[in-house]
PDB file of N, CA and C in Angstrom:
ATOM      1  N   UNK A   1      11.011   0.629  95.267  1.00  0.00           N
ATOM      2  CA  UNK A   1      12.351   0.474  95.811  1.00  0.00           C
ATOM      3  C   UNK A   1      13.126   1.769  95.663  1.00  0.00           C
ATOM      4  N   UNK A   2      13.933   2.037  96.653  1.00  0.00           N
ATOM      5  CA  UNK A   2      14.783   3.221  96.631  1.00  0.00           C
ATOM      6  C   UNK A   2      16.227   2.814  96.401  1.00  0.00           C
ATOM      7  N   UNK A   3      16.910   3.581  95.581  1.00  0.00           N
ATOM      8  CA  UNK A   3      18.337   3.346  95.358  1.00  0.00           C
ATOM      9  C   UNK A   3      19.109   3.876  96.552  1.00  0.00           C
ATOM     10  N   UNK A   4      20.077   3.120  96.998  1.00  0.00           N
ATOM     11  CA  UNK A   4      20.925   3.559  98.102  1.00  0.00           C
ATOM     12  C   UNK A   4      22.355   3.666  97.602  1.00  0.00           C
ATOM     13  N   UNK A   5      23.108   4.608  98.138  1.00  0.00           N
ATOM     14  CA  UNK A   5      24.498   4.763  97.679  1.00  0.00           C
ATOM     15  C   UNK A   5      25.348   3.564  98.080  1.00  0.00           C
ATOM     16  N   UNK A   6      26.252   3.217  97.213  1.00  0.00           N
ATOM     17  CA  UNK A   6      27.187   2.124  97.493  1.00  0.00           C
ATOM     18  C   UNK A   6      28.250   2.568  98.489  1.00  0.00           C
ATOM     19  N   UNK A   7      28.640   3.844  98.386  1.00  0.00           N
ATOM     20  CA  UNK A   7      29.662   4.398  99.278  1.00  0.00           C
ATOM     21  C   UNK A   7      29.514   5.918  99.299  1.00  0.00           C
ATOM     22  N   UNK A   8      29.988   6.518 100.363  1.00  0.00           N
ATOM     23  CA  UNK A   8      30.049   7.974 100.465  1.00  0.00           C
ATOM     24  C   UNK A   8      31.515   8.365 100.395  1.00  0.00           C
ATOM     25  N   UNK A   9      31.849   9.195  99.414  1.00  0.00           N
ATOM     26  CA  UNK A   9      33.236   9.612  99.224  1.00  0.00           C
ATOM     27  C   UNK A   9      33.448  10.944  99.917  1.00  0.00           C
ATOM     28  N   UNK A  10      34.482  11.037 100.725  1.00  0.00           N
ATOM     29  CA  UNK A  10      34.764  12.261 101.472  1.00  0.00           C
ATOM     30  C   UNK A  10      36.168  12.745 101.158  1.00  0.00           C
ATOM     31  N   UNK A  11      36.443  13.990 101.530  1.00  0.00           N
ATOM     32  CA  UNK A  11      37.796  14.519 101.383  1.00  0.00           C
ATOM     33  C   UNK A  11      37.865  15.888 100.753  1.00  0.00           C
ATOM     34  N   UNK A  12      36.859  16.281  99.977  1.00  0.00           N
ATOM     35  CA  UNK A  12      36.881  17.598  99.355  1.00  0.00           C
ATOM     36  C   UNK A  12      36.336  18.649 100.316  1.00  0.00           C
ATOM     37  N   UNK A  13      36.916  19.844 100.259  1.00  0.00           N
ATOM     38  CA  UNK A  13      36.444  20.962 101.068  1.00  0.00           C
ATOM     39  C   UNK A  13      35.506  21.874 100.291  1.00  0.00           C
ATOM     40  N   UNK A  14      35.466  21.732  98.963  1.00  0.00           N
ATOM     41  CA  UNK A  14      34.647  22.581  98.102  1.00  0.00           C
ATOM     42  C   UNK A  14      33.814  21.705  97.181  1.00  0.00           C
ATOM     43  N   UNK A  15      32.908  22.340  96.432  1.00  0.00           N
ATOM     44  CA  UNK A  15      32.010  21.596  95.559  1.00  0.00           C
ATOM     45  C   UNK A  15      32.759  20.825  94.479  1.00  0.00           C
ATOM     46  N   UNK A  16      32.207  19.675  94.103  1.00  0.00           N
ATOM     47  CA  UNK A  16      32.785  18.824  93.077  1.00  0.00           C
ATOM     48  C   UNK A  16      32.469  19.418  91.706  1.00  0.00           C
ATOM     49  N   UNK A  17      33.487  19.552  90.863  1.00  0.00           N
ATOM     50  CA  UNK A  17      33.294  20.114  89.520  1.00  0.00           C
ATOM     51  C   UNK A  17      33.399  19.050  88.433  1.00  0.00           C
ATOM     52  N   UNK A  18      34.061  17.926  88.723  1.00  0.00           N
ATOM     53  CA  UNK A  18      34.202  16.869  87.725  1.00  0.00           C
ATOM     54  C   UNK A  18      34.503  15.549  88.438  1.00  0.00           C
ATOM     55  N   UNK A  19      34.123  14.461  87.791  1.00  0.00           N
ATOM     56  CA  UNK A  19      34.371  13.136  88.357  1.00  0.00           C
ATOM     57  C   UNK A  19      34.344  12.105  87.242  1.00  0.00           C
ATOM     58  N   UNK A  20      34.999  10.984  87.487  1.00  0.00           N
ATOM     59  CA  UNK A  20      34.961   9.859  86.556  1.00  0.00           C
ATOM     60  C   UNK A  20      35.078   8.572  87.351  1.00  0.00           C
ATOM     61  N   UNK A  21      34.563   7.506  86.766  1.00  0.00           N
ATOM     62  CA  UNK A  21      34.635   6.183  87.382  1.00  0.00           C
ATOM     63  C   UNK A  21      35.361   5.256  86.421  1.00  0.00           C
ATOM     64  N   UNK A  22      36.308   4.515  86.941  1.00  0.00           N
ATOM     65  CA  UNK A  22      36.991   3.482  86.164  1.00  0.00           C
ATOM     66  C   UNK A  22      36.615   2.143  86.796  1.00  0.00           C
ATOM     67  N   UNK A  23      35.534   1.539  86.301  1.00  0.00           N
ATOM     68  CA  UNK A  23      35.014   0.301  86.878  1.00  0.00           C
ATOM     69  C   UNK A  23      36.024  -0.845  86.774  1.00  0.00           C
ATOM     70  N   UNK A  24      36.819  -0.865  85.701  1.00  0.00           N
ATOM     71  CA  UNK A  24      37.799  -1.943  85.519  1.00  0.00           C
ATOM     72  C   UNK A  24      38.828  -1.974  86.640  1.00  0.00           C
ATOM     73  N   UNK A  25      39.201  -0.807  87.138  1.00  0.00           N
ATOM     74  CA  UNK A  25      40.190  -0.728  88.218  1.00  0.00           C
ATOM     75  C   UNK A  25      39.554  -0.478  89.580  1.00  0.00           C
ATOM     76  N   UNK A  26      38.241  -0.262  89.607  1.00  0.00           N
ATOM     77  CA  UNK A  26      37.547  -0.020  90.872  1.00  0.00           C
ATOM     78  C   UNK A  26      37.879   1.324  91.477  1.00  0.00           C
ATOM     79  N   UNK A  27      38.009   2.352  90.633  1.00  0.00           N
ATOM     80  CA  UNK A  27      38.435   3.672  91.106  1.00  0.00           C
ATOM     81  C   UNK A  27      37.419   4.747  90.765  1.00  0.00           C
ATOM     82  N   UNK A  28      37.358   5.750  91.628  1.00  0.00           N
ATOM     83  CA  UNK A  28      36.582   6.963  91.396  1.00  0.00           C
ATOM     84  C   UNK A  28      37.538   8.128  91.565  1.00  0.00           C
ATOM     85  N   UNK A  29      37.580   9.022  90.580  1.00  0.00           N
ATOM     86  CA  UNK A  29      38.450  10.198  90.652  1.00  0.00           C
ATOM     87  C   UNK A  29      37.564  11.424  90.567  1.00  0.00           C
ATOM     88  N   UNK A  30      37.761  12.353  91.494  1.00  0.00           N
ATOM     89  CA  UNK A  30      36.930  13.555  91.525  1.00  0.00           C
ATOM     90  C   UNK A  30      37.791  14.788  91.740  1.00  0.00           C
ATOM     91  N   UNK A  31      37.306  15.910  91.215  1.00  0.00           N
ATOM     92  CA  UNK A  31      38.000  17.186  91.372  1.00  0.00           C
ATOM     93  C   UNK A  31      37.044  18.216  91.931  1.00  0.00           C
ATOM     94  N   UNK A  32      37.550  19.103  92.774  1.00  0.00           N
ATOM     95  CA  UNK A  32      36.700  20.115  93.380  1.00  0.00           C
ATOM     96  C   UNK A  32      37.063  21.507  92.896  1.00  0.00           C
ATOM     97  N   UNK A  33      36.204  22.441  93.190  1.00  0.00           N
ATOM     98  CA  UNK A  33      36.323  23.825  92.728  1.00  0.00           C
ATOM     99  C   UNK A  33      37.689  24.440  93.035  1.00  0.00           C
ATOM    100  N   UNK A  34      38.223  24.181  94.185  1.00  0.00           N
ATOM    101  CA  UNK A  34      39.521  24.725  94.577  1.00  0.00           C
ATOM    102  C   UNK A  34      40.608  23.658  94.641  1.00  0.00           C
ATOM    103  N   UNK A  35      40.404  22.545  93.911  1.00  0.00           N
ATOM    104  CA  UNK A  35      41.392  21.482  93.861  1.00  0.00           C
ATOM    105  C   UNK A  35      41.623  20.873  95.228  1.00  0.00           C
ATOM    106  N   UNK A  36      42.377  19.847  95.380  1.00  0.00           N
ATOM    107  CA  UNK A  36      42.987  19.008  94.358  1.00  0.00           C
ATOM    108  C   UNK A  36      42.020  17.915  93.901  1.00  0.00           C
ATOM    109  N   UNK A  37      42.514  16.988  93.085  1.00  0.00           N
ATOM    110  CA  UNK A  37      41.724  15.833  92.675  1.00  0.00           C
ATOM    111  C   UNK A  37      42.032  14.691  93.641  1.00  0.00           C
ATOM    112  N   UNK A  38      40.993  13.914  93.946  1.00  0.00           N
ATOM    113  CA  UNK A  38      41.146  12.802  94.875  1.00  0.00           C
ATOM    114  C   UNK A  38      40.833  11.490  94.181  1.00  0.00           C
ATOM    115  N   UNK A  39      41.567  10.461  94.566  1.00  0.00           N
ATOM    116  CA  UNK A  39      41.397   9.119  94.033  1.00  0.00           C
ATOM    117  C   UNK A  39      40.847   8.238  95.150  1.00  0.00           C
ATOM    118  N   UNK A  40      39.639   7.673  94.924  1.00  0.00           N
ATOM    119  CA  UNK A  40      38.984   6.800  95.894  1.00  0.00           C
ATOM    120  C   UNK A  40      38.799   5.415  95.302  1.00  0.00           C
ATOM    121  N   UNK A  41      38.694   4.429  96.183  1.00  0.00           N
ATOM    122  CA  UNK A  41      38.234   3.115  95.739  1.00  0.00           C
ATOM    123  C   UNK A  41      36.717   3.196  95.609  1.00  0.00           C
ATOM    124  N   UNK A  42      36.120   2.254  94.918  1.00  0.00           N
ATOM    125  CA  UNK A  42      34.666   2.260  94.769  1.00  0.00           C
ATOM    126  C   UNK A  42      33.963   1.938  96.087  1.00  0.00           C
ATOM    127  N   UNK A  43      34.720   1.481  97.074  1.00  0.00           N
ATOM    128  CA  UNK A  43      34.167   1.229  98.408  1.00  0.00           C
ATOM    129  C   UNK A  43      34.172   2.483  99.266  1.00  0.00           C
ATOM    130  N   UNK A  44      34.778   3.567  98.759  1.00  0.00           N
ATOM    131  CA  UNK A  44      34.792   4.820  99.481  1.00  0.00           C
ATOM    132  C   UNK A  44      36.085   5.158 100.189  1.00  0.00           C
ATOM    133  N   UNK A  45      37.090   4.302 100.089  1.00  0.00           N
ATOM    134  CA  UNK A  45      38.376   4.574 100.744  1.00  0.00           C
ATOM    135  C   UNK A  45      39.163   5.612  99.950  1.00  0.00           C
ATOM    136  N   UNK A  46      39.648   6.645 100.625  1.00  0.00           N
ATOM    137  CA  UNK A  46      40.504   7.643  99.990  1.00  0.00           C
ATOM    138  C   UNK A  46      41.885   7.032  99.808  1.00  0.00           C
ATOM    139  N   UNK A  47      42.328   6.923  98.554  1.00  0.00           N
ATOM    140  CA  UNK A  47      43.603   6.279  98.258  1.00  0.00           C
ATOM    141  C   UNK A  47      44.750   7.272  98.155  1.00  0.00           C
ATOM    142  N   UNK A  48      44.521   8.381  97.427  1.00  0.00           N
ATOM    143  CA  UNK A  48      45.586   9.389  97.278  1.00  0.00           C
ATOM    144  C   UNK A  48      45.047  10.673  96.698  1.00  0.00           C
ATOM    145  N   UNK A  49      45.897  11.686  96.767  1.00  0.00           N
ATOM    146  CA  UNK A  49      45.598  12.999  96.207  1.00  0.00           C
ATOM    147  C   UNK A  49      46.444  13.196  94.960  1.00  0.00           C
ATOM    148  N   UNK A  50      45.839  13.701  93.903  1.00  0.00           N
ATOM    149  CA  UNK A  50      46.568  13.991  92.662  1.00  0.00           C
ATOM    150  C   UNK A  50      46.863  15.483  92.629  1.00  0.00           C
ATOM    151  N   UNK A  51      48.079  15.843  92.941  1.00  0.00           N
ATOM    152  CA  UNK A  51      48.504  17.241  92.997  1.00  0.00           C
ATOM    153  C   UNK A  51      49.065  17.665  91.652  1.00  0.00           C
ATOM    154  N   UNK A  52      48.727  18.868  91.218  1.00  0.00           N
ATOM    155  CA  UNK A  52      49.272  19.424  89.985  1.00  0.00           C
ATOM    156  C   UNK A  52      50.744  19.753  90.136  1.00  0.00           C
ATOM    157  N   UNK A  53      51.366  20.244  89.094  1.00  0.00           N
ATOM    158  CA  UNK A  53      52.796  20.573  89.137  1.00  0.00           C
ATOM    159  C   UNK A  53      53.112  21.590  90.244  1.00  0.00           C
ATOM    160  N   UNK A  54      54.226  21.386  90.909  1.00  0.00           N
ATOM    161  CA  UNK A  54      54.626  22.266  92.016  1.00  0.00           C
ATOM    162  C   UNK A  54      54.869  23.703  91.555  1.00  0.00           C
ATOM    163  N   UNK A  55      55.247  23.884  90.315  1.00  0.00           N
ATOM    164  CA  UNK A  55      55.549  25.231  89.832  1.00  0.00           C
ATOM    165  C   UNK A  55      54.302  26.112  89.780  1.00  0.00           C
ATOM    166  N   UNK A  56      53.121  25.500  89.745  1.00  0.00           N
ATOM    167  CA  UNK A  56      51.880  26.269  89.687  1.00  0.00           C
ATOM    168  C   UNK A  56      51.157  26.288  91.026  1.00  0.00           C
ATOM    169  N   UNK A  57      51.781  25.746  92.056  1.00  0.00           N
ATOM    170  CA  UNK A  57      51.131  25.679  93.363  1.00  0.00           C
ATOM    171  C   UNK A  57      51.027  27.061  93.994  1.00  0.00           C
ATOM    172  N   UNK A  58      50.120  27.174  94.927  1.00  0.00           N
ATOM    173  CA  UNK A  58      49.914  28.434  95.630  1.00  0.00           C
ATOM    174  C   UNK A  58      48.494  28.915  95.437  1.00  0.00           C
ATOM    175  N   UNK A  59      47.974  29.676  96.405  1.00  0.00           N
ATOM    176  CA  UNK A  59      46.581  30.102  96.331  1.00  0.00           C
ATOM    177  C   UNK A  59      46.261  30.972  95.126  1.00  0.00           C
ATOM    178  N   UNK A  60      47.221  31.760  94.665  1.00  0.00           N
ATOM    179  CA  UNK A  60      46.948  32.635  93.526  1.00  0.00           C
ATOM    180  C   UNK A  60      46.914  31.873  92.209  1.00  0.00           C
ATOM    181  N   UNK A  61      47.503  30.688  92.165  1.00  0.00           N
ATOM    182  CA  UNK A  61      47.527  29.868  90.943  1.00  0.00           C
ATOM    183  C   UNK A  61      46.840  28.525  91.164  1.00  0.00           C
ATOM    184  N   UNK A  62      45.803  28.511  91.967  1.00  0.00           N
ATOM    185  CA  UNK A  62      45.120  27.266  92.290  1.00  0.00           C
ATOM    186  C   UNK A  62      44.651  26.573  91.023  1.00  0.00           C
ATOM    187  N   UNK A  63      44.962  25.295  90.910  1.00  0.00           N
ATOM    188  CA  UNK A  63      44.544  24.517  89.752  1.00  0.00           C
ATOM    189  C   UNK A  63      43.108  24.058  89.959  1.00  0.00           C
ATOM    190  N   UNK A  64      42.221  24.524  89.098  1.00  0.00           N
ATOM    191  CA  UNK A  64      40.808  24.165  89.195  1.00  0.00           C
ATOM    192  C   UNK A  64      40.482  23.134  88.117  1.00  0.00           C
ATOM    193  N   UNK A  65      40.278  21.876  88.508  1.00  0.00           N
ATOM    194  CA  UNK A  65      40.002  20.839  87.517  1.00  0.00           C
ATOM    195  C   UNK A  65      38.641  21.024  86.868  1.00  0.00           C
ATOM    196  N   UNK A  66      38.586  20.845  85.543  1.00  0.00           N
ATOM    197  CA  UNK A  66      37.339  20.977  84.787  1.00  0.00           C
ATOM    198  C   UNK A  66      36.880  19.641  84.215  1.00  0.00           C
ATOM    199  N   UNK A  67      37.814  18.825  83.737  1.00  0.00           N
ATOM    200  CA  UNK A  67      37.493  17.530  83.126  1.00  0.00           C
ATOM    201  C   UNK A  67      38.467  16.466  83.621  1.00  0.00           C
ATOM    202  N   UNK A  68      37.948  15.256  83.823  1.00  0.00           N
ATOM    203  CA  UNK A  68      38.784  14.131  84.241  1.00  0.00           C
ATOM    204  C   UNK A  68      38.391  12.913  83.410  1.00  0.00           C
ATOM    205  N   UNK A  69      39.389  12.145  83.010  1.00  0.00           N
ATOM    206  CA  UNK A  69      39.117  10.872  82.339  1.00  0.00           C
ATOM    207  C   UNK A  69      40.173   9.865  82.771  1.00  0.00           C
ATOM    208  N   UNK A  70      39.750   8.651  83.071  1.00  0.00           N
ATOM    209  CA  UNK A  70      40.665   7.588  83.479  1.00  0.00           C
ATOM    210  C   UNK A  70      40.655   6.486  82.432  1.00  0.00           C
ATOM    211  N   UNK A  71      41.789   5.798  82.292  1.00  0.00           N
ATOM    212  CA  UNK A  71      41.891   4.699  81.327  1.00  0.00           C
ATOM    213  C   UNK A  71      41.981   3.369  82.060  1.00  0.00           C
ATOM    214  N   UNK A  72      41.726   2.302  81.339  1.00  0.00           N
ATOM    215  CA  UNK A  72      41.840   0.945  81.897  1.00  0.00           C
ATOM    216  C   UNK A  72      43.271   0.608  82.256  1.00  0.00           C
ATOM    217  N   UNK A  73      44.207   1.295  81.620  1.00  0.00           N
ATOM    218  CA  UNK A  73      45.631   1.025  81.863  1.00  0.00           C
ATOM    219  C   UNK A  73      46.153   1.725  83.105  1.00  0.00           C
ATOM    220  N   UNK A  74      45.328   2.504  83.759  1.00  0.00           N
ATOM    221  CA  UNK A  74      45.748   3.142  84.997  1.00  0.00           C
ATOM    222  C   UNK A  74      46.284   4.549  84.843  1.00  0.00           C
ATOM    223  N   UNK A  75      45.902   5.242  83.781  1.00  0.00           N
ATOM    224  CA  UNK A  75      46.295   6.633  83.600  1.00  0.00           C
ATOM    225  C   UNK A  75      45.081   7.536  83.791  1.00  0.00           C
ATOM    226  N   UNK A  76      45.328   8.699  84.322  1.00  0.00           N
ATOM    227  CA  UNK A  76      44.271   9.668  84.543  1.00  0.00           C
ATOM    228  C   UNK A  76      44.680  10.986  83.894  1.00  0.00           C
ATOM    229  N   UNK A  77      43.819  11.504  83.021  1.00  0.00           N
ATOM    230  CA  UNK A  77      44.075  12.787  82.365  1.00  0.00           C
ATOM    231  C   UNK A  77      43.146  13.819  83.001  1.00  0.00           C
ATOM    232  N   UNK A  78      43.734  14.918  83.441  1.00  0.00           N
ATOM    233  CA  UNK A  78      42.962  15.998  84.059  1.00  0.00           C
ATOM    234  C   UNK A  78      43.214  17.277  83.277  1.00  0.00           C
ATOM    235  N   UNK A  79      42.131  17.957  82.924  1.00  0.00           N
ATOM    236  CA  UNK A  79      42.224  19.256  82.267  1.00  0.00           C
ATOM    237  C   UNK A  79      41.815  20.307  83.285  1.00  0.00           C
ATOM    238  N   UNK A  80      42.687  21.288  83.489  1.00  0.00           N
ATOM    239  CA  UNK A  80      42.450  22.348  84.464  1.00  0.00           C
ATOM    240  C   UNK A  80      41.965  23.619  83.776  1.00  0.00           C
ATOM    241  N   UNK A  81      41.279  24.453  84.529  1.00  0.00           N
ATOM    242  CA  UNK A  81      40.684  25.695  84.023  1.00  0.00           C
ATOM    243  C   UNK A  81      41.688  26.609  83.338  1.00  0.00           C
ATOM    244  N   UNK A  82      42.942  26.581  83.756  1.00  0.00           N
ATOM    245  CA  UNK A  82      43.966  27.476  83.195  1.00  0.00           C
ATOM    246  C   UNK A  82      44.571  26.953  81.886  1.00  0.00           C
ATOM    247  N   UNK A  83      44.010  25.877  81.305  1.00  0.00           N
ATOM    248  CA  UNK A  83      44.504  25.357  80.039  1.00  0.00           C
ATOM    249  C   UNK A  83      45.591  24.316  80.170  1.00  0.00           C
ATOM    250  N   UNK A  84      45.758  23.742  81.337  1.00  0.00           N
ATOM    251  CA  UNK A  84      46.809  22.757  81.578  1.00  0.00           C
ATOM    252  C   UNK A  84      46.225  21.347  81.585  1.00  0.00           C
ATOM    253  N   UNK A  85      46.842  20.448  80.807  1.00  0.00           N
ATOM    254  CA  UNK A  85      46.531  19.030  80.855  1.00  0.00           C
ATOM    255  C   UNK A  85      47.605  18.348  81.685  1.00  0.00           C
ATOM    256  N   UNK A  86      47.204  17.430  82.560  1.00  0.00           N
ATOM    257  CA  UNK A  86      48.160  16.626  83.326  1.00  0.00           C
ATOM    258  C   UNK A  86      47.766  15.164  83.216  1.00  0.00           C
ATOM    259  N   UNK A  87      48.765  14.302  83.086  1.00  0.00           N
ATOM    260  CA  UNK A  87      48.546  12.868  83.081  1.00  0.00           C
ATOM    261  C   UNK A  87      49.193  12.303  84.339  1.00  0.00           C
ATOM    262  N   UNK A  88      48.391  11.564  85.118  1.00  0.00           N
ATOM    263  CA  UNK A  88      48.855  10.945  86.354  1.00  0.00           C
ATOM    264  C   UNK A  88      48.735   9.435  86.237  1.00  0.00           C
ATOM    265  N   UNK A  89      49.597   8.721  86.966  1.00  0.00           N
ATOM    266  CA  UNK A  89      49.418   7.275  87.125  1.00  0.00           C
ATOM    267  C   UNK A  89      48.447   7.075  88.283  1.00  0.00           C
ATOM    268  N   UNK A  90      47.899   5.869  88.438  1.00  0.00           N
ATOM    269  CA  UNK A  90      46.999   5.618  89.562  1.00  0.00           C
ATOM    270  C   UNK A  90      47.752   5.638  90.888  1.00  0.00           C
ATOM    271  N   UNK A  91      49.071   5.632  90.821  1.00  0.00           N
ATOM    272  CA  UNK A  91      49.882   5.765  92.037  1.00  0.00           C
ATOM    273  C   UNK A  91      50.051   7.218  92.452  1.00  0.00           C
ATOM    274  N   UNK A  92      49.468   8.145  91.679  1.00  0.00           N
ATOM    275  CA  UNK A  92      49.541   9.560  92.021  1.00  0.00           C
ATOM    276  C   UNK A  92      50.735  10.281  91.451  1.00  0.00           C
ATOM    277  N   UNK A  93      51.518   9.610  90.649  1.00  0.00           N
ATOM    278  CA  UNK A  93      52.719  10.227  90.076  1.00  0.00           C
ATOM    279  C   UNK A  93      52.358  11.012  88.817  1.00  0.00           C
ATOM    280  N   UNK A  94      52.826  12.251  88.752  1.00  0.00           N
ATOM    281  CA  UNK A  94      52.618  13.083  87.576  1.00  0.00           C
ATOM    282  C   UNK A  94      53.500  12.568  86.446  1.00  0.00           C
ATOM    283  N   UNK A  95      52.886  12.181  85.322  1.00  0.00           N
ATOM    284  CA  UNK A  95      53.612  11.591  84.197  1.00  0.00           C
ATOM    285  C   UNK A  95      53.977  12.618  83.129  1.00  0.00           C
ATOM    286  N   UNK A  96      53.040  13.537  82.838  1.00  0.00           N
ATOM    287  CA  UNK A  96      53.280  14.508  81.771  1.00  0.00           C
ATOM    288  C   UNK A  96      52.343  15.700  81.940  1.00  0.00           C
ATOM    289  N   UNK A  97      52.754  16.837  81.362  1.00  0.00           N
ATOM    290  CA  UNK A  97      51.907  18.030  81.350  1.00  0.00           C
ATOM    291  C   UNK A  97      51.961  18.659  79.961  1.00  0.00           C
ATOM    292  N   UNK A  98      50.906  19.399  79.640  1.00  0.00           N
ATOM    293  CA  UNK A  98      50.857  20.128  78.370  1.00  0.00           C
ATOM    294  C   UNK A  98      49.913  21.314  78.551  1.00  0.00           C
ATOM    295  N   UNK A  99      50.337  22.461  78.076  1.00  0.00           N
ATOM    296  CA  UNK A  99      49.483  23.659  78.147  1.00  0.00           C
ATOM    297  C   UNK A  99      48.859  23.937  76.793  1.00  0.00           C
ATOM    298  N   UNK A 100      47.634  24.480  76.810  1.00  0.00           N
ATOM    299  CA  UNK A 100      46.959  24.855  75.585  1.00  0.00           C
ATOM    300  C   UNK A 100      46.185  26.154  75.816  1.00  0.00           C
ATOM    301  N   UNK A 101      46.052  26.924  74.771  1.00  0.00           N
ATOM    302  CA  UNK A 101      45.256  28.156  74.847  1.00  0.00           C
ATOM    303  C   UNK A 101      43.862  27.955  74.277  1.00  0.00           C
ATOM    304  N   UNK A 102      43.582  26.727  73.791  1.00  0.00           N
ATOM    305  CA  UNK A 102      42.279  26.421  73.215  1.00  0.00           C
ATOM    306  C   UNK A 102      41.241  26.243  74.315  1.00  0.00           C
ATOM    307  N   UNK A 103      39.979  26.493  73.966  1.00  0.00           N
ATOM    308  CA  UNK A 103      38.861  26.243  74.880  1.00  0.00           C
ATOM    309  C   UNK A 103      38.471  24.775  74.755  1.00  0.00           C
ATOM    310  N   UNK A 104      38.550  24.025  75.833  1.00  0.00           N
ATOM    311  CA  UNK A 104      38.234  22.611  75.829  1.00  0.00           C
ATOM    312  C   UNK A 104      36.915  22.403  76.553  1.00  0.00           C
ATOM    313  N   UNK A 105      36.025  21.629  75.932  1.00  0.00           N
ATOM    314  CA  UNK A 105      34.734  21.312  76.567  1.00  0.00           C
ATOM    315  C   UNK A 105      34.546  19.817  76.619  1.00  0.00           C
TER     316      UNK A 105
END
């Protein structure tokens, strides 16, 4: 028997660098090399885009997501290459940000 994909997720223009699945909420969150992060249903429907803070927007300050984690309560934490943590709601609203100079793996 061959495994077949449940859904094909589309929307990124660049390679995927991180992803997470929240089975409890039926969500898949993925980030690409040149951002942004996308929120899909497990059926493959694109629900919304998670944009970083507007103050860091622009091609020279592109937020490159490195790590993503989602909670059962509907929060998504994204760590970006530049040392920025962002917390989003599943509605796409930016809840909080924090910068760090530490190397996070």
